[in-house]
PDB file of N, CA and C in Angstrom:
ATOM      1  N   UNK A   1      39.110   0.788  -2.211  1.00  0.00           N
ATOM      2  CA  UNK A   1      39.038  -0.594  -3.084  1.00  0.00           C
ATOM      3  C   UNK A   1      38.681  -0.270  -4.492  1.00  0.00           C
ATOM      4  N   UNK A   2      39.364  -1.135  -5.231  1.00  0.00           N
ATOM      5  CA  UNK A   2      38.879  -0.967  -6.948  1.00  0.00           C
ATOM      6  C   UNK A   2      37.486  -1.031  -7.172  1.00  0.00           C
ATOM      7  N   UNK A   3      36.737  -1.859  -6.542  1.00  0.00           N
ATOM      8  CA  UNK A   3      35.409  -2.239  -6.755  1.00  0.00           C
ATOM      9  C   UNK A   3      34.780  -0.758  -6.614  1.00  0.00           C
ATOM     10  N   UNK A   4      34.776   0.122  -5.631  1.00  0.00           N
ATOM     11  CA  UNK A   4      34.229   1.275  -5.403  1.00  0.00           C
ATOM     12  C   UNK A   4      34.513   2.361  -6.338  1.00  0.00           C
ATOM     13  N   UNK A   5      35.718   2.221  -6.819  1.00  0.00           N
ATOM     14  CA  UNK A   5      36.265   3.092  -8.073  1.00  0.00           C
ATOM     15  C   UNK A   5      35.503   2.851  -9.199  1.00  0.00           C
ATOM     16  N   UNK A   6      35.375   1.496  -9.490  1.00  0.00           N
ATOM     17  CA  UNK A   6      34.787   1.122 -10.478  1.00  0.00           C
ATOM     18  C   UNK A   6      33.075   1.433 -10.653  1.00  0.00           C
ATOM     19  N   UNK A   7      32.618   1.100  -9.462  1.00  0.00           N
ATOM     20  CA  UNK A   7      31.297   1.449  -9.293  1.00  0.00           C
ATOM     21  C   UNK A   7      30.871   2.891  -9.482  1.00  0.00           C
ATOM     22  N   UNK A   8      31.765   3.795  -8.978  1.00  0.00           N
ATOM     23  CA  UNK A   8      31.475   5.221  -9.058  1.00  0.00           C
ATOM     24  C   UNK A   8      31.738   5.609 -10.507  1.00  0.00           C
ATOM     25  N   UNK A   9      32.754   4.967 -11.449  1.00  0.00           N
ATOM     26  CA  UNK A   9      32.854   5.391 -12.694  1.00  0.00           C
ATOM     27  C   UNK A   9      31.775   5.001 -13.342  1.00  0.00           C
ATOM     28  N   UNK A  10      31.205   3.696 -13.265  1.00  0.00           N
ATOM     29  CA  UNK A  10      29.964   3.292 -13.830  1.00  0.00           C
ATOM     30  C   UNK A  10      28.692   4.017 -13.822  1.00  0.00           C
ATOM     31  N   UNK A  11      28.436   4.464 -12.468  1.00  0.00           N
ATOM     32  CA  UNK A  11      27.378   5.081 -12.099  1.00  0.00           C
ATOM     33  C   UNK A  11      27.437   6.639 -12.840  1.00  0.00           C
ATOM     34  N   UNK A  12      28.590   7.118 -12.850  1.00  0.00           N
ATOM     35  CA  UNK A  12      28.855   8.501 -13.552  1.00  0.00           C
ATOM     36  C   UNK A  12      28.485   8.094 -15.055  1.00  0.00           C
ATOM     37  N   UNK A  13      29.014   7.201 -15.553  1.00  0.00           N
ATOM     38  CA  UNK A  13      28.880   6.931 -17.064  1.00  0.00           C
ATOM     39  C   UNK A  13      27.450   6.793 -17.408  1.00  0.00           C
ATOM     40  N   UNK A  14      26.845   5.898 -16.614  1.00  0.00           N
ATOM     41  CA  UNK A  14      25.453   5.608 -16.747  1.00  0.00           C
ATOM     42  C   UNK A  14      24.507   7.018 -16.753  1.00  0.00           C
ATOM     43  N   UNK A  15      24.767   7.664 -15.920  1.00  0.00           N
ATOM     44  CA  UNK A  15      24.402   9.077 -15.720  1.00  0.00           C
ATOM     45  C   UNK A  15      24.322   9.788 -17.064  1.00  0.00           C
ATOM     46  N   UNK A  16      25.486   9.888 -17.553  1.00  0.00           N
ATOM     47  CA  UNK A  16      25.651  10.636 -18.743  1.00  0.00           C
ATOM     48  C   UNK A  16      25.117  10.075 -19.864  1.00  0.00           C
ATOM     49  N   UNK A  17      25.212   8.587 -20.169  1.00  0.00           N
ATOM     50  CA  UNK A  17      24.863   7.953 -21.412  1.00  0.00           C
ATOM     51  C   UNK A  17      24.337   6.819 -21.157  1.00  0.00           C
ATOM     52  N   UNK A  18      23.339   6.515 -20.632  1.00  0.00           N
ATOM     53  CA  UNK A  18      22.605   5.094 -20.396  1.00  0.00           C
ATOM     54  C   UNK A  18      22.594   4.128 -21.564  1.00  0.00           C
ATOM     55  N   UNK A  19      21.939   4.839 -22.638  1.00  0.00           N
ATOM     56  CA  UNK A  19      21.668   4.238 -23.836  1.00  0.00           C
ATOM     57  C   UNK A  19      22.907   3.831 -24.488  1.00  0.00           C
ATOM     58  N   UNK A  20      23.921   4.744 -24.558  1.00  0.00           N
ATOM     59  CA  UNK A  20      24.990   4.341 -25.260  1.00  0.00           C
ATOM     60  C   UNK A  20      25.841   3.111 -24.364  1.00  0.00           C
ATOM     61  N   UNK A  21      25.765   3.319 -23.296  1.00  0.00           N
ATOM     62  CA  UNK A  21      26.419   2.173 -22.627  1.00  0.00           C
ATOM     63  C   UNK A  21      25.948   0.905 -22.567  1.00  0.00           C
ATOM     64  N   UNK A  22      24.367   0.748 -22.497  1.00  0.00           N
ATOM     65  CA  UNK A  22      23.840  -0.282 -22.764  1.00  0.00           C
ATOM     66  C   UNK A  22      23.885  -0.915 -24.066  1.00  0.00           C
ATOM     67  N   UNK A  23      24.018   0.078 -25.057  1.00  0.00           N
ATOM     68  CA  UNK A  23      24.299  -0.574 -26.467  1.00  0.00           C
ATOM     69  C   UNK A  23      25.500  -1.064 -26.656  1.00  0.00           C
ATOM     70  N   UNK A  24      26.566  -0.680 -25.954  1.00  0.00           N
ATOM     71  CA  UNK A  24      27.813  -0.912 -26.228  1.00  0.00           C
ATOM     72  C   UNK A  24      28.185  -2.584 -25.687  1.00  0.00           C
ATOM     73  N   UNK A  25      27.250  -2.919 -24.490  1.00  0.00           N
ATOM     74  CA  UNK A  25      27.424  -3.835 -23.827  1.00  0.00           C
ATOM     75  C   UNK A  25      27.412  -5.187 -24.753  1.00  0.00           C
ATOM     76  N   UNK A  26      26.499  -5.438 -25.729  1.00  0.00           N
ATOM     77  CA  UNK A  26      26.502  -6.903 -26.365  1.00  0.00           C
ATOM     78  C   UNK A  26      27.697  -6.887 -27.259  1.00  0.00           C
ATOM     79  N   UNK A  27      28.117  -5.872 -27.943  1.00  0.00           N
ATOM     80  CA  UNK A  27      29.460  -5.969 -28.827  1.00  0.00           C
ATOM     81  C   UNK A  27      30.732  -6.187 -28.309  1.00  0.00           C
ATOM     82  N   UNK A  28      30.580  -5.742 -26.799  1.00  0.00           N
ATOM     83  CA  UNK A  28      31.701  -5.696 -26.081  1.00  0.00           C
ATOM     84  C   UNK A  28      31.896  -7.166 -25.474  1.00  0.00           C
ATOM     85  N   UNK A  29      30.844  -7.747 -24.802  1.00  0.00           N
ATOM     86  CA  UNK A  29      30.948  -8.880 -23.964  1.00  0.00           C
ATOM     87  C   UNK A  29      30.170 -10.101 -24.518  1.00  0.00           C
ATOM     88  N   UNK A  30      29.331  -9.930 -25.680  1.00  0.00           N
ATOM     89  CA  UNK A  30      28.707 -11.330 -26.116  1.00  0.00           C
ATOM     90  C   UNK A  30      28.842 -11.490 -27.462  1.00  0.00           C
ATOM     91  N   UNK A  31      28.591 -10.346 -28.374  1.00  0.00           N
ATOM     92  CA  UNK A  31      28.391 -10.672 -29.647  1.00  0.00           C
ATOM     93  C   UNK A  31      29.430  -9.792 -30.508  1.00  0.00           C
ATOM     94  N   UNK A  32      30.200 -10.368 -31.557  1.00  0.00           N
ATOM     95  CA  UNK A  32      30.860  -9.578 -32.426  1.00  0.00           C
ATOM     96  C   UNK A  32      30.198  -8.373 -33.049  1.00  0.00           C
ATOM     97  N   UNK A  33      30.885  -7.355 -33.504  1.00  0.00           N
ATOM     98  CA  UNK A  33      30.224  -6.211 -34.183  1.00  0.00           C
ATOM     99  C   UNK A  33      29.218  -6.662 -35.378  1.00  0.00           C
ATOM    100  N   UNK A  34      28.139  -6.185 -35.342  1.00  0.00           N
ATOM    101  CA  UNK A  34      27.249  -6.444 -36.239  1.00  0.00           C
ATOM    102  C   UNK A  34      27.135  -5.497 -37.387  1.00  0.00           C
ATOM    103  N   UNK A  35      27.330  -5.872 -38.360  1.00  0.00           N
ATOM    104  CA  UNK A  35      27.421  -4.841 -39.713  1.00  0.00           C
ATOM    105  C   UNK A  35      26.213  -4.224 -40.153  1.00  0.00           C
ATOM    106  N   UNK A  36      25.995  -3.107 -40.185  1.00  0.00           N
ATOM    107  CA  UNK A  36      24.875  -2.252 -40.444  1.00  0.00           C
ATOM    108  C   UNK A  36      23.863  -1.982 -39.264  1.00  0.00           C
ATOM    109  N   UNK A  37      24.457  -2.293 -38.107  1.00  0.00           N
ATOM    110  CA  UNK A  37      23.754  -1.978 -36.900  1.00  0.00           C
ATOM    111  C   UNK A  37      23.626  -0.670 -36.466  1.00  0.00           C
ATOM    112  N   UNK A  38      24.296   0.094 -37.213  1.00  0.00           N
ATOM    113  CA  UNK A  38      24.326   1.686 -36.663  1.00  0.00           C
ATOM    114  C   UNK A  38      23.001   2.379 -37.251  1.00  0.00           C
TER     115      UNK A  38
END
């Protein structure tokens, strides 16, 4: 199932870079890019 493939990918990604992933969520799903937020 696609769900398990996605879950596996996300778990591996989170394991590698939890902070990077979480930081990318607001810009990707909720808010437009914020200037000077880097």
